[in-house]
Amino acid sequence: MSTNSTTAGRVADAPSNSWVYRLLPVGLWPYAQLARWDRPIGWKLLLWPCMWSLALAWSVAGETIEPTLLAQIALFWAGAVAMRGAGCTYNDVVDVDIDAKVARTASRPIPSGRVSKMQATVFLVAQALAGLLVLLGLCALSEPFNGYAFILACSSLGVVAFYPFAKRLTDWPQFVLGLSFSWGALMGWAVVFGELSAPPVLLYIGSILWVIGYDTIYAHQDREDDAIVGVRSTARLFGDRTVQALLILYGGTLILFAAAYFEAGVGAAGYIGLLVGGMHMIWQITSLDIEDGEKCLRLFRSNNFFGWAVFAGLIANWLI
């Protein structure tokens, strides 16, 4: 950990040129860091399954562009930011002892002493309440109120609560993260139709495999520190077999997405977007060097492109 990173109020594992440090008062920096506002890749990766599911549902519904869709997109975005922030804050509260022992995370607000656990907990509750308001807004867009989507969203909280403990209990914490981060693949469809069917379920399972893949790449940054403090991960489990594992995980993602498209009657444009995303996955796998932490981080962040490719294909299919 760099001494300068702490005295300047930054954290070692985040970019120092974020808007957070240009626009927010210094006193709010620790809270922005708890919510990871200085690292937007997290809420983007959480948002994409929501957007895919929403675009897939609207393709099936066959509706033209109208304010309801734009409102749904805006609310899903706000919900992703709020709930990703709440999840990260909760994770930091639970993991403070582990974070203090890992070089990349020791400068985070709680282990560095800039925020107490009680302050972080209050901030967590505030973000969760913001997420609840967003969920109520999404459900209220339907007439009558979409109780199915509300219950479905709330049922994800158990998985979210368990995730920080998974790394202590299993070699597959990335699977638990996938269950949580992919929930939007169910939600987009449920918000439109008030029920679930085969396409969103296939999309959900495929997204879980995608999350396991990209978070395995991410976890290779901490593989050595994790071994020292006893944190388990698929990066440690796969080790030198990570490329083979990614071929299975990413390949499974593409197959399940294609099956979801088939069930939903998606046209050629959707498959073209999926093909572009698949080419990006191949690039990730062939570029991977598990000994290069900086490259692992870049490849992890590049999954935002995969999200765009799939979404663009579905939107093009809907418009056509």
Protein backbone atom coordinates (compact mmCIF):
# COMPACT_ATOMS: atom_id res chain seq x y z
CA MET A 1 0.00 0.00 0.00
CA SER A 2 1.31 3.41 -0.91
CA THR A 3 1.54 5.88 1.96
CA ASN A 4 0.57 8.69 -0.38
CA SER A 5 -2.61 6.90 -1.38
CA THR A 6 -3.76 6.92 2.24
CA THR A 7 -2.77 10.46 3.15
CA ALA A 8 -4.39 11.79 -0.01
CA GLY A 9 -7.65 10.03 0.87
CA ARG A 10 -7.45 7.65 -2.09
CA VAL A 11 -7.53 3.86 -2.06
CA ALA A 12 -4.86 1.70 -3.61
CA ASP A 13 -7.15 -0.40 -5.81
CA ALA A 14 -9.05 2.45 -7.50
CA PRO A 15 -8.17 5.10 -10.09
CA SER A 16 -7.16 8.43 -8.54
CA ASN A 17 -8.60 10.55 -11.39
CA SER A 18 -12.27 9.72 -10.72
CA TRP A 19 -14.94 12.43 -10.73
CA VAL A 20 -15.33 11.62 -7.02
CA TYR A 21 -12.07 13.42 -6.23
CA ARG A 22 -12.83 16.36 -8.47
CA LEU A 23 -16.44 17.09 -7.53
CA LEU A 24 -17.11 15.79 -4.01
CA PRO A 25 -15.92 17.35 -0.74
CA VAL A 26 -13.04 15.44 0.85
CA GLY A 27 -15.27 14.43 3.75
CA LEU A 28 -17.51 12.45 1.39
CA TRP A 29 -14.69 10.57 -0.32
CA PRO A 30 -14.72 7.60 2.09
CA TYR A 31 -18.44 7.05 1.49
CA ALA A 32 -18.02 7.28 -2.27
CA GLN A 33 -15.23 4.71 -1.95
CA LEU A 34 -17.44 2.41 0.13
CA ALA A 35 -20.09 2.57 -2.61
CA ARG A 36 -17.38 2.21 -5.30
CA TRP A 37 -18.58 5.33 -7.12
CA ASP A 38 -14.94 5.77 -8.14
CA ARG A 39 -15.07 2.34 -9.83
CA PRO A 40 -18.13 2.33 -12.10
CA ILE A 41 -17.33 -1.02 -13.74
CA GLY A 42 -19.15 -2.81 -10.91
CA TRP A 43 -22.54 -1.18 -11.41
CA LYS A 44 -22.15 -1.53 -15.17
CA LEU A 45 -21.62 -5.29 -14.88
CA LEU A 46 -24.57 -5.49 -12.48
CA LEU A 47 -26.75 -3.47 -14.87
CA TRP A 48 -26.12 -5.47 -18.04
CA PRO A 49 -28.21 -8.55 -17.17
CA CYS A 50 -31.09 -6.17 -16.38
CA MET A 51 -30.71 -4.46 -19.75
CA TRP A 52 -30.43 -7.73 -21.68
CA SER A 53 -33.55 -9.12 -20.01
CA LEU A 54 -35.47 -5.89 -20.56
CA ALA A 55 -34.48 -5.72 -24.24
CA LEU A 56 -35.34 -9.39 -24.71
CA ALA A 57 -38.76 -8.88 -23.09
CA TRP A 58 -39.54 -5.84 -25.19
CA SER A 59 -38.53 -7.73 -28.33
CA VAL A 60 -41.06 -10.43 -27.47
CA ALA A 61 -43.70 -7.85 -26.53
CA GLY A 62 -43.20 -6.18 -29.89
CA GLU A 63 -43.89 -2.69 -28.59
CA THR A 64 -42.66 0.51 -30.16
CA ILE A 65 -40.45 2.95 -28.23
CA GLU A 66 -42.42 4.71 -25.54
CA PRO A 67 -41.69 6.54 -22.27
CA THR A 68 -42.25 3.38 -20.22
CA LEU A 69 -39.12 1.74 -21.64
CA LEU A 70 -37.00 4.83 -21.03
CA ALA A 71 -38.29 5.03 -17.46
CA GLN A 72 -37.48 1.35 -16.90
CA ILE A 73 -33.94 1.84 -18.19
CA ALA A 74 -33.42 4.89 -15.95
CA LEU A 75 -34.75 3.09 -12.88
CA PHE A 76 -32.70 -0.03 -13.50
CA TRP A 77 -29.62 2.18 -13.81
CA ALA A 78 -30.38 3.94 -10.52
CA GLY A 79 -31.09 0.61 -8.86
CA ALA A 80 -27.82 -0.90 -10.09
CA VAL A 81 -25.81 2.03 -8.69
CA ALA A 82 -27.65 1.97 -5.35
CA MET A 83 -27.60 -1.78 -4.81
CA ARG A 84 -24.04 -2.25 -6.02
CA GLY A 85 -23.03 0.47 -3.57
CA ALA A 86 -25.00 -1.16 -0.77
CA GLY A 87 -23.52 -4.56 -1.55
CA CYS A 88 -19.96 -3.24 -1.59
CA THR A 89 -20.48 -1.36 1.68
CA TYR A 90 -21.89 -4.50 3.30
CA ASN A 91 -18.99 -6.52 1.94
CA ASP A 92 -16.47 -4.04 3.41
CA VAL A 93 -18.18 -4.14 6.82
CA VAL A 94 -18.04 -7.94 6.90
CA ASP A 95 -14.54 -8.22 5.40
CA VAL A 96 -12.73 -5.51 7.36
CA ASP A 97 -10.33 -7.97 9.03
CA ILE A 98 -9.45 -9.62 5.72
CA ASP A 99 -9.12 -6.31 3.87
CA ALA A 100 -6.65 -5.06 6.47
CA LYS A 101 -4.31 -7.96 5.64
CA VAL A 102 -4.37 -7.60 1.83
CA ALA A 103 -2.18 -4.95 0.22
CA ARG A 104 -4.74 -4.01 -2.45
CA THR A 105 -7.56 -3.42 0.04
CA ALA A 106 -5.85 -2.22 3.23
CA SER A 107 -6.34 1.44 2.29
CA ARG A 108 -10.12 1.12 1.96
CA PRO A 109 -12.14 3.41 4.27
CA ILE A 110 -12.92 1.00 7.13
CA PRO A 111 -9.57 -0.81 7.57
CA SER A 112 -7.72 2.51 7.16
CA GLY A 113 -9.85 4.05 9.95
CA ARG A 114 -11.41 6.85 7.91
CA VAL A 115 -14.93 5.46 8.48
CA SER A 116 -16.18 3.43 11.42
CA LYS A 117 -18.23 0.26 11.00
CA MET A 118 -21.25 2.06 12.48
CA GLN A 119 -20.96 4.93 9.99
CA ALA A 120 -20.61 2.45 7.16
CA THR A 121 -23.68 0.56 8.37
CA VAL A 122 -25.79 3.73 8.42
CA PHE A 123 -24.63 4.48 4.88
CA LEU A 124 -25.49 0.92 3.87
CA VAL A 125 -29.05 1.32 5.14
CA ALA A 126 -29.43 4.62 3.26
CA GLN A 127 -28.35 2.99 -0.02
CA ALA A 128 -30.64 0.02 0.55
CA LEU A 129 -33.58 2.37 1.11
CA ALA A 130 -32.72 4.16 -2.14
CA GLY A 131 -32.76 0.78 -3.87
CA LEU A 132 -36.17 0.02 -2.34
CA LEU A 133 -37.57 3.29 -3.70
CA VAL A 134 -36.26 2.42 -7.16
CA LEU A 135 -37.86 -1.04 -6.96
CA LEU A 136 -41.19 0.46 -5.93
CA GLY A 137 -40.94 2.82 -8.89
CA LEU A 138 -40.29 -0.05 -11.31
CA CYS A 139 -43.20 -2.06 -9.97
CA ALA A 140 -45.49 0.98 -10.03
CA LEU A 141 -44.92 1.43 -13.77
CA SER A 142 -47.15 -1.59 -14.28
CA GLU A 143 -50.90 -1.36 -13.92
CA PRO A 144 -51.75 -2.80 -11.44
CA PHE A 145 -48.67 -2.76 -9.19
CA ASN A 146 -46.27 -5.57 -10.21
CA GLY A 147 -46.15 -7.57 -7.00
CA TYR A 148 -44.43 -10.51 -8.71
CA ALA A 149 -41.40 -8.41 -9.65
CA PHE A 150 -41.30 -6.91 -6.14
CA ILE A 151 -41.21 -10.32 -4.44
CA LEU A 152 -38.69 -11.63 -6.98
CA ALA A 153 -36.34 -8.73 -6.28
CA CYS A 154 -36.61 -9.10 -2.51
CA SER A 155 -35.87 -12.83 -2.76
CA SER A 156 -32.35 -12.02 -3.98
CA LEU A 157 -31.37 -10.45 -0.65
CA GLY A 158 -30.49 -13.77 0.97
CA VAL A 159 -27.91 -14.50 -1.73
CA VAL A 160 -26.49 -10.99 -1.41
CA ALA A 161 -26.19 -11.35 2.37
CA PHE A 162 -24.39 -14.70 2.08
CA TYR A 163 -21.82 -13.65 -0.53
CA PRO A 164 -19.13 -12.13 1.77
CA PHE A 165 -19.06 -15.38 3.76
CA ALA A 166 -18.83 -17.62 0.70
CA LYS A 167 -15.10 -16.97 0.26
CA ARG A 168 -14.56 -18.45 3.72
CA LEU A 169 -16.67 -21.56 3.11
CA THR A 170 -16.26 -22.61 -0.52
CA ASP A 171 -13.86 -22.51 -3.45
CA TRP A 172 -16.76 -21.13 -5.52
CA PRO A 173 -17.57 -17.67 -4.12
CA GLN A 174 -17.70 -16.49 -7.74
CA PHE A 175 -20.72 -18.76 -8.23
CA VAL A 176 -22.50 -17.04 -5.34
CA LEU A 177 -21.57 -13.67 -6.85
CA GLY A 178 -23.01 -14.90 -10.15
CA LEU A 179 -26.31 -15.78 -8.48
CA SER A 180 -26.49 -12.23 -7.14
CA PHE A 181 -25.07 -10.18 -10.02
CA SER A 182 -27.17 -12.01 -12.62
CA TRP A 183 -30.51 -11.51 -10.86
CA GLY A 184 -31.34 -8.68 -13.23
CA ALA A 185 -31.64 -11.25 -16.03
CA LEU A 186 -34.83 -12.36 -14.28
CA MET A 187 -35.95 -8.90 -13.23
CA GLY A 188 -36.13 -7.22 -16.65
CA TRP A 189 -38.51 -9.86 -17.96
CA ALA A 190 -40.55 -9.91 -14.74
CA VAL A 191 -40.99 -6.12 -14.81
CA VAL A 192 -42.45 -6.32 -18.33
CA PHE A 193 -44.56 -9.49 -18.05
CA GLY A 194 -45.13 -10.01 -14.32
CA GLU A 195 -43.92 -13.60 -14.60
CA LEU A 196 -40.97 -15.73 -15.69
CA SER A 197 -40.55 -18.21 -18.54
CA ALA A 198 -37.73 -20.12 -20.26
CA PRO A 199 -35.90 -17.19 -21.96
CA PRO A 200 -35.04 -15.20 -18.81
CA VAL A 201 -34.14 -18.37 -16.90
CA LEU A 202 -31.71 -19.43 -19.64
CA LEU A 203 -30.34 -15.89 -19.73
CA TYR A 204 -29.88 -15.99 -15.95
CA ILE A 205 -27.95 -19.25 -15.96
CA GLY A 206 -25.77 -18.07 -18.83
CA SER A 207 -25.06 -14.83 -17.00
CA ILE A 208 -23.99 -16.75 -13.91
CA LEU A 209 -21.33 -18.52 -15.99
CA TRP A 210 -20.23 -15.14 -17.41
CA VAL A 211 -19.85 -13.68 -13.91
CA ILE A 212 -17.84 -16.67 -12.70
CA GLY A 213 -15.56 -16.23 -15.69
CA TYR A 214 -14.87 -12.52 -15.40
CA ASP A 215 -14.60 -12.57 -11.61
CA THR A 216 -12.11 -15.44 -11.80
CA ILE A 217 -9.95 -13.18 -13.97
CA TYR A 218 -10.39 -10.39 -11.41
CA ALA A 219 -9.53 -12.67 -8.48
CA HIS A 220 -6.16 -13.58 -9.98
CA GLN A 221 -4.94 -10.17 -8.79
CA ASP A 222 -5.20 -11.34 -5.17
CA ARG A 223 -4.37 -15.02 -5.57
CA GLU A 224 -1.19 -14.92 -3.47
CA ASP A 225 -2.62 -12.69 -0.73
CA ASP A 226 -5.78 -14.80 -0.61
CA ALA A 227 -3.71 -17.92 -0.01
CA ILE A 228 -1.98 -16.23 2.93
CA VAL A 229 -5.17 -15.03 4.66
CA GLY A 230 -7.21 -18.12 3.80
CA VAL A 231 -9.64 -16.60 1.30
CA ARG A 232 -10.88 -19.11 -1.28
CA SER A 233 -11.72 -18.39 -4.92
CA THR A 234 -12.05 -19.99 -8.34
CA ALA A 235 -8.80 -18.24 -9.27
CA ARG A 236 -7.01 -20.36 -6.65
CA LEU A 237 -9.09 -23.42 -7.57
CA PHE A 238 -8.44 -23.23 -11.33
CA GLY A 239 -4.86 -21.92 -11.13
CA ASP A 240 -2.97 -22.81 -14.31
CA ARG A 241 -6.15 -24.35 -15.74
CA THR A 242 -7.94 -20.99 -15.84
CA VAL A 243 -7.88 -20.77 -19.65
CA GLN A 244 -9.58 -24.17 -19.96
CA ALA A 245 -12.12 -23.16 -17.31
CA LEU A 246 -12.89 -19.91 -19.14
CA LEU A 247 -13.45 -21.81 -22.39
CA ILE A 248 -16.12 -23.86 -20.61
CA LEU A 249 -17.66 -20.95 -18.71
CA TYR A 250 -17.74 -18.47 -21.59
CA GLY A 251 -18.74 -21.17 -24.06
CA GLY A 252 -21.62 -22.12 -21.78
CA THR A 253 -22.66 -18.48 -21.58
CA LEU A 254 -22.91 -18.20 -25.36
CA ILE A 255 -24.81 -21.49 -25.72
CA LEU A 256 -27.34 -20.58 -23.03
CA PHE A 257 -27.83 -17.07 -24.41
CA ALA A 258 -28.41 -18.52 -27.88
CA ALA A 259 -30.96 -20.93 -26.38
CA ALA A 260 -32.72 -18.00 -24.69
CA TYR A 261 -32.81 -16.15 -28.00
CA PHE A 262 -34.24 -19.21 -29.75
CA GLU A 263 -36.97 -19.61 -27.14
CA ALA A 264 -37.83 -15.91 -27.43
CA GLY A 265 -37.81 -15.90 -31.24
CA VAL A 266 -34.95 -13.41 -31.53
CA GLY A 267 -33.88 -12.60 -35.11
CA ALA A 268 -30.49 -12.41 -36.81
CA ALA A 269 -29.47 -9.05 -35.32
CA GLY A 270 -29.51 -10.50 -31.82
CA TYR A 271 -27.28 -13.39 -32.83
CA ILE A 272 -24.86 -11.01 -34.54
CA GLY A 273 -24.50 -9.07 -31.30
CA LEU A 274 -23.91 -12.34 -29.46
CA LEU A 275 -21.28 -13.33 -32.04
CA VAL A 276 -19.43 -10.05 -31.50
CA GLY A 277 -19.56 -10.66 -27.76
CA GLY A 278 -18.22 -14.17 -28.29
CA MET A 279 -15.28 -12.83 -30.28
CA HIS A 280 -14.50 -10.51 -27.38
CA MET A 281 -14.56 -13.48 -25.01
CA ILE A 282 -12.05 -15.29 -27.23
CA TRP A 283 -9.82 -12.20 -27.11
CA GLN A 284 -9.99 -12.20 -23.31
CA ILE A 285 -8.99 -15.85 -23.10
CA THR A 286 -6.11 -15.57 -25.56
CA SER A 287 -4.83 -12.38 -23.91
CA LEU A 288 -4.95 -13.67 -20.33
CA ASP A 289 -1.78 -13.82 -18.25
CA ILE A 290 -2.70 -14.84 -14.72
CA GLU A 291 0.66 -13.63 -13.42
CA ASP A 292 0.00 -10.07 -14.66
CA GLY A 293 -2.39 -8.43 -12.20
CA GLU A 294 -2.76 -5.21 -14.19
CA LYS A 295 -3.70 -7.12 -17.34
CA CYS A 296 -6.21 -9.20 -15.35
CA LEU A 297 -7.84 -5.98 -14.18
CA ARG A 298 -8.00 -4.60 -17.73
CA LEU A 299 -9.53 -7.82 -19.06
CA PHE A 300 -12.05 -7.83 -16.23
CA ARG A 301 -13.11 -4.26 -17.01
CA SER A 302 -13.35 -5.05 -20.71
CA ASN A 303 -16.43 -7.19 -20.03
CA ASN A 304 -18.39 -3.96 -20.29
CA PHE A 305 -17.86 -4.32 -24.05
CA PHE A 306 -19.48 -7.76 -23.97
CA GLY A 307 -22.45 -6.19 -22.24
CA TRP A 308 -22.75 -3.54 -24.93
CA ALA A 309 -22.44 -6.08 -27.76
CA VAL A 310 -25.25 -8.28 -26.45
CA PHE A 311 -27.48 -5.32 -25.64
CA ALA A 312 -26.90 -3.66 -29.01
CA GLY A 313 -27.83 -6.87 -30.80
CA LEU A 314 -31.07 -7.20 -28.85
CA ILE A 315 -32.00 -3.55 -29.34
CA ALA A 316 -31.29 -3.84 -33.07
CA ASN A 317 -33.49 -6.95 -33.21
CA TRP A 318 -36.27 -5.07 -31.39
CA LEU A 319 -36.06 -2.06 -33.70
CA ILE A 320 -36.01 -4.19 -36.83
